Amino acid sequence: MMNNSAAIYVAYTDHTAVARMLLAILTDCGYTAIERPPHAISGIIMIPDKPYRHFFVAPSESGWVAIWEDPRYFADRSLARALAQRLHTRAVWIEVGGNGVSWARGLYEGNTIVEERFESVETMFYGERGVVHLAFDPDCMPEEWIDRLRLPNSELHYEAILAGGQPSAGPPLHLVVQRSAGESPSTAASG
């Protein structure tokens, strides 16, 4: 079960099309695709400050394409919203803290926010300053929400795949982007 990890799920049958759209959104935000191995991480945890972003994009299973970013703790809510908008489909954003009661979620349908629950808190996390999106929600547990939406591979995350875990539908695509020189982080959903 998802714990201390995060993911984006996109309701789509073709994971290569989702990966292409993910790259297009990131390109619009000032990133360029590069070749780097999956284990060559940036060492910076907070997404806005990362010069490199690594993603695994899993083949569709149960109608969902899963996207995991390095490190396992965060998923980019704005990317989930942008994917839903640009692919005219449903997308899910979910982050689950270690206790399973602190978690964040979003469900998007095209341009519509169907459901969101999060609190943005600026904090230190593993020695780096950034925003964490976890809210205390004992009324709905992550596994209930995951089961209701039938999200596959909820036990996987970026590091689990590096360690040999695989989505049941097959090996994921690996995508790496680098922020262009002089570019500042921008909001993916604006594109």
N, C-alpha and C. Protein backbone atom coordinates (compact mmCIF):
# COMPACT_ATOMS: atom_id res chain seq x y z
N MET A 1 0.85 -1.18 0.00
CA MET A 1 0.00 0.00 0.00
C MET A 1 0.89 1.24 0.00
N MET A 2 0.44 2.25 -0.67
CA MET A 2 1.20 3.50 -0.80
C MET A 2 1.49 4.07 0.59
N ASN A 3 2.76 4.35 0.85
CA ASN A 3 3.16 4.90 2.14
C ASN A 3 4.47 5.65 1.94
N ASN A 4 4.54 6.89 2.43
CA ASN A 4 5.71 7.72 2.19
C ASN A 4 6.04 7.77 0.70
N SER A 5 5.00 7.91 -0.11
CA SER A 5 5.22 7.96 -1.55
C SER A 5 4.09 8.72 -2.21
N ALA A 6 4.23 8.91 -3.52
CA ALA A 6 3.28 9.72 -4.26
C ALA A 6 3.23 9.24 -5.71
N ALA A 7 2.17 9.62 -6.40
CA ALA A 7 2.02 9.24 -7.81
C ALA A 7 1.00 10.13 -8.48
N ILE A 8 1.06 10.12 -9.80
CA ILE A 8 0.03 10.70 -10.65
C ILE A 8 -0.52 9.54 -11.47
N TYR A 9 -1.83 9.48 -11.61
CA TYR A 9 -2.48 8.48 -12.45
C TYR A 9 -3.28 9.21 -13.52
N VAL A 10 -3.19 8.73 -14.76
CA VAL A 10 -3.91 9.33 -15.87
C VAL A 10 -4.77 8.25 -16.52
N ALA A 11 -6.06 8.52 -16.67
CA ALA A 11 -6.98 7.58 -17.31
C ALA A 11 -6.71 7.61 -18.81
N TYR A 12 -5.92 6.63 -19.27
CA TYR A 12 -5.50 6.60 -20.67
C TYR A 12 -5.01 5.20 -20.99
N THR A 13 -5.12 4.79 -22.24
CA THR A 13 -4.70 3.44 -22.60
C THR A 13 -3.29 3.37 -23.15
N ASP A 14 -2.73 4.50 -23.57
CA ASP A 14 -1.41 4.52 -24.23
C ASP A 14 -0.41 5.30 -23.37
N HIS A 15 0.46 4.58 -22.69
CA HIS A 15 1.42 5.27 -21.82
C HIS A 15 2.46 6.07 -22.60
N THR A 16 2.74 5.69 -23.83
CA THR A 16 3.69 6.48 -24.63
C THR A 16 3.09 7.84 -24.97
N ALA A 17 1.78 7.90 -25.23
CA ALA A 17 1.11 9.18 -25.49
C ALA A 17 1.12 10.05 -24.23
N VAL A 18 0.92 9.43 -23.07
CA VAL A 18 0.97 10.17 -21.81
C VAL A 18 2.39 10.70 -21.58
N ALA A 19 3.40 9.90 -21.86
CA ALA A 19 4.79 10.34 -21.69
C ALA A 19 5.10 11.50 -22.64
N ARG A 20 4.61 11.43 -23.87
CA ARG A 20 4.83 12.54 -24.82
C ARG A 20 4.17 13.82 -24.33
N MET A 21 2.96 13.71 -23.79
CA MET A 21 2.27 14.89 -23.28
C MET A 21 2.96 15.42 -22.03
N LEU A 22 3.43 14.54 -21.17
CA LEU A 22 4.18 14.95 -19.99
C LEU A 22 5.41 15.75 -20.42
N LEU A 23 6.13 15.25 -21.42
CA LEU A 23 7.30 15.97 -21.92
C LEU A 23 6.91 17.32 -22.52
N ALA A 24 5.80 17.38 -23.26
CA ALA A 24 5.36 18.65 -23.85
C ALA A 24 5.05 19.68 -22.76
N ILE A 25 4.39 19.25 -21.68
CA ILE A 25 4.06 20.15 -20.57
C ILE A 25 5.34 20.64 -19.91
N LEU A 26 6.27 19.72 -19.65
CA LEU A 26 7.54 20.10 -19.02
C LEU A 26 8.36 21.01 -19.92
N THR A 27 8.32 20.79 -21.22
CA THR A 27 9.02 21.65 -22.18
C THR A 27 8.45 23.07 -22.12
N ASP A 28 7.13 23.17 -22.05
CA ASP A 28 6.48 24.48 -21.91
C ASP A 28 6.89 25.19 -20.64
N CYS A 29 7.31 24.43 -19.63
CA CYS A 29 7.73 25.00 -18.34
C CYS A 29 9.23 25.25 -18.28
N GLY A 30 9.94 25.11 -19.40
CA GLY A 30 11.36 25.44 -19.42
C GLY A 30 12.31 24.27 -19.22
N TYR A 31 11.84 23.05 -19.43
CA TYR A 31 12.69 21.87 -19.31
C TYR A 31 13.01 21.31 -20.69
N THR A 32 14.11 20.57 -20.77
CA THR A 32 14.52 19.91 -21.99
C THR A 32 14.80 18.45 -21.68
N ALA A 33 14.36 17.56 -22.58
CA ALA A 33 14.62 16.12 -22.40
C ALA A 33 16.11 15.85 -22.57
N ILE A 34 16.66 15.02 -21.68
CA ILE A 34 18.06 14.63 -21.76
C ILE A 34 18.17 13.14 -21.48
N GLU A 35 19.34 12.58 -21.75
CA GLU A 35 19.61 11.17 -21.44
C GLU A 35 20.40 11.10 -20.15
N ARG A 36 19.86 10.43 -19.17
CA ARG A 36 20.55 10.12 -17.91
C ARG A 36 19.98 8.81 -17.41
N PRO A 37 20.77 8.00 -16.73
CA PRO A 37 20.23 6.74 -16.21
C PRO A 37 19.25 6.99 -15.06
N PRO A 38 18.34 6.06 -14.83
CA PRO A 38 17.31 6.24 -13.79
C PRO A 38 17.86 6.49 -12.39
N HIS A 39 19.07 6.02 -12.09
CA HIS A 39 19.61 6.18 -10.74
C HIS A 39 20.42 7.46 -10.57
N ALA A 40 20.54 8.27 -11.62
CA ALA A 40 21.33 9.51 -11.55
C ALA A 40 20.44 10.66 -11.07
N ILE A 41 20.11 10.64 -9.78
CA ILE A 41 19.17 11.62 -9.24
C ILE A 41 19.86 12.95 -8.96
N SER A 42 19.06 14.00 -8.85
CA SER A 42 19.59 15.34 -8.66
C SER A 42 20.07 15.57 -7.23
N GLY A 43 19.54 14.82 -6.28
CA GLY A 43 19.91 15.03 -4.89
C GLY A 43 19.12 16.15 -4.24
N ILE A 44 18.27 16.83 -5.00
CA ILE A 44 17.43 17.89 -4.45
C ILE A 44 16.00 17.35 -4.39
N ILE A 45 15.41 17.41 -3.21
CA ILE A 45 14.11 16.77 -3.02
C ILE A 45 12.95 17.65 -3.45
N MET A 46 12.95 18.92 -3.08
CA MET A 46 11.81 19.76 -3.34
C MET A 46 11.70 20.09 -4.82
N ILE A 47 10.58 19.79 -5.42
CA ILE A 47 10.39 19.89 -6.86
C ILE A 47 10.76 21.25 -7.45
N PRO A 48 10.35 22.39 -6.89
CA PRO A 48 10.65 23.66 -7.55
C PRO A 48 12.15 23.94 -7.71
N ASP A 49 12.97 23.36 -6.89
CA ASP A 49 14.41 23.64 -6.93
C ASP A 49 15.21 22.62 -7.73
N LYS A 50 14.56 21.60 -8.29
CA LYS A 50 15.31 20.52 -8.92
C LYS A 50 15.77 20.88 -10.33
N PRO A 51 17.08 20.77 -10.60
CA PRO A 51 17.55 21.03 -11.97
C PRO A 51 17.22 19.87 -12.90
N TYR A 52 17.08 18.65 -12.36
CA TYR A 52 16.73 17.47 -13.14
C TYR A 52 15.48 16.85 -12.54
N ARG A 53 14.62 16.32 -13.41
CA ARG A 53 13.45 15.60 -12.94
C ARG A 53 13.41 14.26 -13.66
N HIS A 54 13.30 13.19 -12.88
CA HIS A 54 13.23 11.82 -13.41
C HIS A 54 11.83 11.27 -13.20
N PHE A 55 11.29 10.59 -14.21
CA PHE A 55 9.95 10.00 -14.14
C PHE A 55 9.98 8.58 -14.67
N PHE A 56 9.16 7.72 -14.09
CA PHE A 56 8.80 6.44 -14.67
C PHE A 56 7.33 6.53 -15.06
N VAL A 57 7.01 6.11 -16.28
CA VAL A 57 5.64 6.12 -16.79
C VAL A 57 5.26 4.68 -17.13
N ALA A 58 4.31 4.12 -16.37
CA ALA A 58 3.98 2.70 -16.49
C ALA A 58 2.94 2.46 -17.59
N PRO A 59 3.01 1.29 -18.22
CA PRO A 59 1.96 0.91 -19.18
C PRO A 59 0.59 0.91 -18.49
N SER A 60 -0.43 1.20 -19.28
CA SER A 60 -1.79 1.28 -18.76
C SER A 60 -2.24 -0.05 -18.14
N GLU A 61 -2.87 0.07 -16.98
CA GLU A 61 -3.44 -1.09 -16.30
C GLU A 61 -4.74 -0.65 -15.64
N SER A 62 -5.79 -1.41 -15.82
CA SER A 62 -7.11 -1.06 -15.30
C SER A 62 -7.54 0.32 -15.79
N GLY A 63 -7.03 0.72 -16.96
CA GLY A 63 -7.39 2.01 -17.54
C GLY A 63 -6.59 3.19 -17.03
N TRP A 64 -5.56 2.93 -16.19
CA TRP A 64 -4.76 4.01 -15.61
C TRP A 64 -3.28 3.87 -15.99
N VAL A 65 -2.67 4.97 -16.38
CA VAL A 65 -1.22 5.07 -16.57
C VAL A 65 -0.68 5.72 -15.30
N ALA A 66 0.27 5.06 -14.64
CA ALA A 66 0.87 5.60 -13.41
C ALA A 66 2.17 6.32 -13.74
N ILE A 67 2.40 7.45 -13.07
CA ILE A 67 3.63 8.22 -13.22
C ILE A 67 4.23 8.40 -11.83
N TRP A 68 5.49 7.99 -11.70
CA TRP A 68 6.20 8.19 -10.44
C TRP A 68 7.40 9.08 -10.70
N GLU A 69 7.62 10.05 -9.80
CA GLU A 69 8.77 10.94 -9.93
C GLU A 69 9.75 10.66 -8.81
N ASP A 70 11.01 10.91 -9.10
CA ASP A 70 12.06 10.82 -8.10
C ASP A 70 12.15 12.16 -7.38
N PRO A 71 12.16 12.20 -6.06
CA PRO A 71 12.08 11.08 -5.15
C PRO A 71 10.63 10.66 -4.92
N ARG A 72 10.47 9.58 -4.24
CA ARG A 72 9.16 8.94 -4.06
C ARG A 72 8.16 9.74 -3.25
N TYR A 73 8.60 10.76 -2.52
CA TYR A 73 7.74 11.44 -1.55
C TYR A 73 6.76 12.43 -2.16
N PHE A 74 7.05 12.91 -3.39
CA PHE A 74 6.26 13.99 -3.95
C PHE A 74 5.76 13.67 -5.35
N ALA A 75 4.59 14.19 -5.68
CA ALA A 75 4.07 14.20 -7.04
C ALA A 75 3.63 15.64 -7.30
N ASP A 76 3.67 16.05 -8.54
CA ASP A 76 3.41 17.43 -8.91
C ASP A 76 1.93 17.60 -9.26
N ARG A 77 1.19 18.24 -8.37
CA ARG A 77 -0.25 18.46 -8.56
C ARG A 77 -0.53 19.19 -9.87
N SER A 78 0.29 20.18 -10.19
CA SER A 78 0.06 20.95 -11.42
C SER A 78 0.24 20.09 -12.67
N LEU A 79 1.13 19.10 -12.61
CA LEU A 79 1.27 18.18 -13.74
C LEU A 79 0.03 17.31 -13.91
N ALA A 80 -0.53 16.84 -12.81
CA ALA A 80 -1.76 16.04 -12.89
C ALA A 80 -2.88 16.85 -13.51
N ARG A 81 -3.04 18.09 -13.08
CA ARG A 81 -4.09 18.96 -13.64
C ARG A 81 -3.85 19.23 -15.11
N ALA A 82 -2.60 19.51 -15.49
CA ALA A 82 -2.28 19.80 -16.89
C ALA A 82 -2.51 18.57 -17.78
N LEU A 83 -2.17 17.39 -17.29
CA LEU A 83 -2.40 16.17 -18.07
C LEU A 83 -3.89 15.93 -18.28
N ALA A 84 -4.70 16.15 -17.25
CA ALA A 84 -6.15 16.00 -17.39
C ALA A 84 -6.69 16.98 -18.43
N GLN A 85 -6.21 18.22 -18.37
CA GLN A 85 -6.68 19.25 -19.31
C GLN A 85 -6.28 18.93 -20.74
N ARG A 86 -5.02 18.66 -20.93
CA ARG A 86 -4.51 18.50 -22.30
C ARG A 86 -4.91 17.19 -22.96
N LEU A 87 -5.10 16.14 -22.15
CA LEU A 87 -5.51 14.86 -22.71
C LEU A 87 -7.03 14.66 -22.65
N HIS A 88 -7.75 15.65 -22.10
CA HIS A 88 -9.21 15.60 -21.99
C HIS A 88 -9.66 14.30 -21.32
N THR A 89 -9.09 14.06 -20.13
CA THR A 89 -9.37 12.82 -19.41
C THR A 89 -9.34 13.07 -17.91
N ARG A 90 -9.40 11.98 -17.15
CA ARG A 90 -9.27 12.05 -15.69
C ARG A 90 -7.81 11.89 -15.30
N ALA A 91 -7.43 12.58 -14.24
CA ALA A 91 -6.10 12.39 -13.66
C ALA A 91 -6.23 12.47 -12.15
N VAL A 92 -5.33 11.77 -11.48
CA VAL A 92 -5.31 11.70 -10.02
C VAL A 92 -3.92 12.12 -9.55
N TRP A 93 -3.90 12.91 -8.48
CA TRP A 93 -2.65 13.26 -7.79
C TRP A 93 -2.81 12.78 -6.36
N ILE A 94 -1.79 12.06 -5.87
CA ILE A 94 -1.87 11.54 -4.50
C ILE A 94 -0.48 11.52 -3.87
N GLU A 95 -0.41 11.98 -2.62
CA GLU A 95 0.80 11.92 -1.80
C GLU A 95 0.38 11.37 -0.44
N VAL A 96 1.11 10.37 0.05
CA VAL A 96 0.76 9.74 1.33
C VAL A 96 1.96 9.80 2.27
N GLY A 97 1.75 10.37 3.47
CA GLY A 97 2.79 10.41 4.48
C GLY A 97 2.95 9.07 5.17
N GLY A 98 3.97 8.94 5.97
CA GLY A 98 4.31 7.67 6.61
C GLY A 98 3.25 7.12 7.53
N ASN A 99 2.39 7.98 8.10
CA ASN A 99 1.38 7.47 9.03
C ASN A 99 0.09 7.08 8.31
N GLY A 100 -0.02 7.37 7.01
CA GLY A 100 -1.21 7.01 6.25
C GLY A 100 -2.42 7.87 6.54
N VAL A 101 -2.35 8.75 7.54
CA VAL A 101 -3.46 9.63 7.87
C VAL A 101 -3.19 11.03 7.31
N SER A 102 -1.91 11.38 7.18
CA SER A 102 -1.54 12.64 6.55
C SER A 102 -1.32 12.36 5.07
N TRP A 103 -2.20 12.91 4.26
CA TRP A 103 -2.07 12.66 2.83
C TRP A 103 -2.78 13.76 2.05
N ALA A 104 -2.47 13.82 0.77
CA ALA A 104 -3.05 14.83 -0.11
C ALA A 104 -3.55 14.15 -1.36
N ARG A 105 -4.60 14.75 -1.96
CA ARG A 105 -5.16 14.11 -3.15
C ARG A 105 -5.86 15.12 -4.03
N GLY A 106 -5.95 14.77 -5.29
CA GLY A 106 -6.71 15.56 -6.24
C GLY A 106 -7.25 14.65 -7.33
N LEU A 107 -8.47 14.93 -7.77
CA LEU A 107 -9.08 14.21 -8.88
C LEU A 107 -9.54 15.26 -9.87
N TYR A 108 -9.08 15.14 -11.11
CA TYR A 108 -9.33 16.14 -12.14
C TYR A 108 -9.97 15.47 -13.35
N GLU A 109 -10.92 16.16 -13.95
CA GLU A 109 -11.61 15.67 -15.15
C GLU A 109 -11.54 16.80 -16.17
N GLY A 110 -10.64 16.67 -17.16
CA GLY A 110 -10.45 17.76 -18.12
C GLY A 110 -10.05 19.03 -17.39
N ASN A 111 -10.85 20.10 -17.54
CA ASN A 111 -10.57 21.38 -16.87
C ASN A 111 -11.20 21.48 -15.48
N THR A 112 -11.90 20.44 -15.05
CA THR A 112 -12.65 20.50 -13.79
C THR A 112 -11.89 19.84 -12.64
N ILE A 113 -11.85 20.54 -11.51
CA ILE A 113 -11.34 19.94 -10.28
C ILE A 113 -12.51 19.24 -9.62
N VAL A 114 -12.52 17.91 -9.66
CA VAL A 114 -13.60 17.12 -9.07
C VAL A 114 -13.46 17.09 -7.55
N GLU A 115 -12.22 16.92 -7.09
CA GLU A 115 -11.96 16.84 -5.65
C GLU A 115 -10.50 17.18 -5.41
N GLU A 116 -10.25 17.96 -4.36
CA GLU A 116 -8.88 18.22 -3.90
C GLU A 116 -8.89 18.31 -2.39
N ARG A 117 -7.85 17.77 -1.78
CA ARG A 117 -7.70 17.88 -0.33
C ARG A 117 -6.22 17.95 -0.06
N PHE A 118 -5.75 19.12 0.37
CA PHE A 118 -4.35 19.29 0.73
C PHE A 118 -4.18 20.58 1.51
N GLU A 119 -3.07 20.65 2.22
CA GLU A 119 -2.65 21.88 2.87
C GLU A 119 -1.21 22.13 2.47
N SER A 120 -0.92 23.30 1.93
CA SER A 120 0.45 23.65 1.54
C SER A 120 1.17 24.22 2.74
N VAL A 121 2.28 23.59 3.12
CA VAL A 121 3.06 24.04 4.26
C VAL A 121 4.51 24.19 3.83
N GLU A 122 5.07 25.37 4.00
CA GLU A 122 6.48 25.60 3.70
C GLU A 122 7.28 25.06 4.89
N THR A 123 8.23 24.18 4.61
CA THR A 123 8.93 23.51 5.70
C THR A 123 10.30 23.04 5.26
N MET A 124 11.07 22.57 6.23
CA MET A 124 12.32 21.88 5.94
C MET A 124 12.00 20.40 5.81
N PHE A 125 12.51 19.76 4.79
CA PHE A 125 12.25 18.34 4.56
C PHE A 125 13.57 17.73 4.13
N TYR A 126 14.11 16.82 4.95
CA TYR A 126 15.42 16.23 4.70
C TYR A 126 16.46 17.30 4.39
N GLY A 127 16.43 18.39 5.16
CA GLY A 127 17.45 19.42 5.04
C GLY A 127 17.23 20.41 3.92
N GLU A 128 16.11 20.33 3.22
CA GLU A 128 15.84 21.25 2.13
C GLU A 128 14.51 21.94 2.34
N ARG A 129 14.47 23.23 2.01
CA ARG A 129 13.26 24.00 2.19
C ARG A 129 12.36 23.84 0.97
N GLY A 130 11.06 23.68 1.25
CA GLY A 130 10.10 23.56 0.16
C GLY A 130 8.71 23.41 0.70
N VAL A 131 7.76 23.14 -0.20
CA VAL A 131 6.36 23.03 0.17
C VAL A 131 5.95 21.57 0.25
N VAL A 132 5.29 21.21 1.34
CA VAL A 132 4.73 19.88 1.52
C VAL A 132 3.21 20.04 1.47
N HIS A 133 2.52 19.07 0.86
CA HIS A 133 1.07 19.18 0.66
C HIS A 133 0.27 18.16 1.46
N LEU A 134 0.68 17.80 2.64
CA LEU A 134 -0.05 16.78 3.39
C LEU A 134 -1.09 17.41 4.32
N ALA A 135 -2.27 16.83 4.35
CA ALA A 135 -3.34 17.26 5.25
C ALA A 135 -3.71 16.09 6.15
N PHE A 136 -4.13 16.39 7.36
CA PHE A 136 -4.58 15.35 8.29
C PHE A 136 -6.01 15.00 7.93
N ASP A 137 -6.27 13.76 7.52
CA ASP A 137 -7.61 13.36 7.09
C ASP A 137 -7.92 11.96 7.60
N PRO A 138 -8.38 11.83 8.85
CA PRO A 138 -8.69 10.50 9.39
C PRO A 138 -10.02 9.93 8.88
N ASP A 139 -10.84 10.75 8.22
CA ASP A 139 -12.16 10.30 7.77
C ASP A 139 -12.10 9.45 6.51
N CYS A 140 -11.11 9.68 5.69
CA CYS A 140 -10.95 8.89 4.46
C CYS A 140 -9.50 8.48 4.38
N MET A 141 -9.25 7.21 4.38
CA MET A 141 -7.88 6.71 4.34
C MET A 141 -7.42 6.54 2.88
N PRO A 142 -6.13 6.67 2.62
CA PRO A 142 -5.64 6.55 1.25
C PRO A 142 -6.06 5.26 0.55
N GLU A 143 -5.99 4.14 1.28
CA GLU A 143 -6.32 2.87 0.62
C GLU A 143 -7.79 2.81 0.21
N GLU A 144 -8.68 3.48 0.94
CA GLU A 144 -10.09 3.54 0.55
C GLU A 144 -10.24 4.30 -0.77
N TRP A 145 -9.56 5.42 -0.88
CA TRP A 145 -9.64 6.25 -2.08
C TRP A 145 -9.01 5.53 -3.27
N ILE A 146 -7.87 4.89 -3.04
CA ILE A 146 -7.19 4.12 -4.09
C ILE A 146 -8.09 2.99 -4.57
N ASP A 147 -8.72 2.27 -3.65
CA ASP A 147 -9.63 1.17 -4.01
C ASP A 147 -10.85 1.68 -4.77
N ARG A 148 -11.41 2.81 -4.31
CA ARG A 148 -12.60 3.36 -4.96
C ARG A 148 -12.31 3.72 -6.42
N LEU A 149 -11.13 4.26 -6.69
CA LEU A 149 -10.75 4.66 -8.06
C LEU A 149 -10.11 3.51 -8.85
N ARG A 150 -9.84 2.39 -8.16
CA ARG A 150 -9.19 1.22 -8.77
C ARG A 150 -7.82 1.57 -9.36
N LEU A 151 -7.02 2.27 -8.58
CA LEU A 151 -5.68 2.67 -9.02
C LEU A 151 -4.73 1.48 -8.87
N PRO A 152 -4.00 1.14 -9.93
CA PRO A 152 -3.10 -0.02 -9.88
C PRO A 152 -1.74 0.33 -9.27
N ASN A 153 -1.02 -0.70 -8.86
CA ASN A 153 0.38 -0.58 -8.43
C ASN A 153 0.60 0.46 -7.34
N SER A 154 -0.32 0.54 -6.38
CA SER A 154 -0.20 1.56 -5.33
C SER A 154 0.97 1.31 -4.40
N GLU A 155 1.55 0.12 -4.44
CA GLU A 155 2.70 -0.18 -3.59
C GLU A 155 4.02 0.26 -4.22
N LEU A 156 3.99 0.65 -5.50
CA LEU A 156 5.22 1.04 -6.19
C LEU A 156 5.51 2.52 -6.02
N HIS A 157 6.78 2.87 -6.20
CA HIS A 157 7.26 4.25 -6.25
C HIS A 157 8.58 4.23 -6.99
N TYR A 158 9.16 5.39 -7.23
CA TYR A 158 10.36 5.49 -8.05
C TYR A 158 11.48 4.58 -7.56
N GLU A 159 11.79 4.66 -6.27
CA GLU A 159 12.90 3.86 -5.73
C GLU A 159 12.61 2.36 -5.77
N ALA A 160 11.34 1.96 -5.61
CA ALA A 160 10.99 0.54 -5.68
C ALA A 160 11.25 -0.01 -7.07
N ILE A 161 11.00 0.79 -8.10
CA ILE A 161 11.28 0.36 -9.47
C ILE A 161 12.79 0.26 -9.69
N LEU A 162 13.54 1.23 -9.17
CA LEU A 162 15.01 1.15 -9.25
C LEU A 162 15.53 -0.12 -8.59
N ALA A 163 14.87 -0.55 -7.53
CA ALA A 163 15.30 -1.74 -6.79
C ALA A 163 14.80 -3.04 -7.42
N GLY A 164 14.10 -2.94 -8.56
CA GLY A 164 13.68 -4.14 -9.27
C GLY A 164 12.19 -4.39 -9.32
N GLY A 165 11.40 -3.63 -8.58
CA GLY A 165 9.95 -3.78 -8.66
C GLY A 165 9.46 -3.32 -10.02
N GLN A 166 8.43 -3.98 -10.52
CA GLN A 166 7.90 -3.63 -11.83
C GLN A 166 6.37 -3.53 -11.79
N PRO A 167 5.81 -2.58 -12.54
CA PRO A 167 4.35 -2.56 -12.67
C PRO A 167 3.90 -3.87 -13.31
N SER A 168 2.74 -4.38 -12.92
CA SER A 168 2.31 -5.67 -13.43
C SER A 168 2.03 -5.66 -14.93
N ALA A 169 1.80 -4.50 -15.53
CA ALA A 169 1.54 -4.42 -16.98
C ALA A 169 2.82 -4.38 -17.81
N GLY A 170 3.99 -4.30 -17.17
CA GLY A 170 5.24 -4.30 -17.91
C GLY A 170 6.16 -3.17 -17.47
N PRO A 171 7.38 -3.16 -18.03
CA PRO A 171 8.36 -2.16 -17.62
C PRO A 171 7.94 -0.74 -18.02
N PRO A 172 8.23 0.23 -17.14
CA PRO A 172 7.85 1.61 -17.44
C PRO A 172 8.86 2.30 -18.35
N LEU A 173 8.42 3.37 -18.98
CA LEU A 173 9.32 4.26 -19.70
C LEU A 173 10.03 5.14 -18.69
N HIS A 174 11.25 5.56 -19.01
CA HIS A 174 12.00 6.48 -18.14
C HIS A 174 12.17 7.79 -18.89
N LEU A 175 11.81 8.89 -18.26
CA LEU A 175 11.90 10.22 -18.85
C LEU A 175 12.71 11.09 -17.91
N VAL A 176 13.70 11.81 -18.46
CA VAL A 176 14.50 12.75 -17.67
C VAL A 176 14.48 14.10 -18.37
N VAL A 177 14.27 15.15 -17.59
CA VAL A 177 14.33 16.50 -18.12
C VAL A 177 15.26 17.34 -17.26
N GLN A 178 15.82 18.36 -17.88
CA GLN A 178 16.70 19.30 -17.18
C GLN A 178 16.14 20.70 -17.39
N ARG A 179 16.12 21.48 -16.31
CA ARG A 179 15.66 22.86 -16.42
C ARG A 179 16.66 23.63 -17.26
N SER A 180 16.15 24.36 -18.22
CA SER A 180 17.01 25.16 -19.10
C SER A 180 17.70 26.25 -18.31
N ALA A 181 18.91 26.59 -18.72
CA ALA A 181 19.69 27.62 -18.02
C ALA A 181 18.90 28.93 -17.99
N GLY A 182 18.86 29.55 -16.83
CA GLY A 182 18.19 30.83 -16.68
C GLY A 182 16.69 30.72 -16.49
N GLU A 183 16.13 29.52 -16.58
CA GLU A 183 14.69 29.34 -16.40
C GLU A 183 14.38 29.21 -14.91
N SER A 184 13.31 29.83 -14.50
CA SER A 184 12.84 29.63 -13.14
C SER A 184 11.66 28.68 -13.20
N PRO A 185 11.41 27.97 -12.11
CA PRO A 185 10.27 27.03 -12.11
C PRO A 185 8.98 27.78 -12.39
N SER A 186 8.10 27.16 -13.16
CA SER A 186 6.79 27.76 -13.43
C SER A 186 5.70 26.72 -13.22
N THR A 187 4.48 27.16 -13.25
CA THR A 187 3.37 26.27 -12.99
C THR A 187 2.98 25.53 -14.25
N ALA A 188 2.99 24.20 -14.19
CA ALA A 188 2.67 23.38 -15.35
C ALA A 188 1.24 23.54 -15.80
N ALA A 189 0.34 23.80 -14.88
CA ALA A 189 -1.07 23.87 -15.23
C ALA A 189 -1.40 25.10 -16.07
N SER A 190 -0.50 26.07 -16.13
CA SER A 190 -0.80 27.27 -16.89
C SER A 190 -0.74 27.02 -18.39
N GLY A 191 -0.16 25.90 -18.80
CA GLY A 191 -0.01 25.63 -20.23
C GLY A 191 -1.12 24.93 -20.85
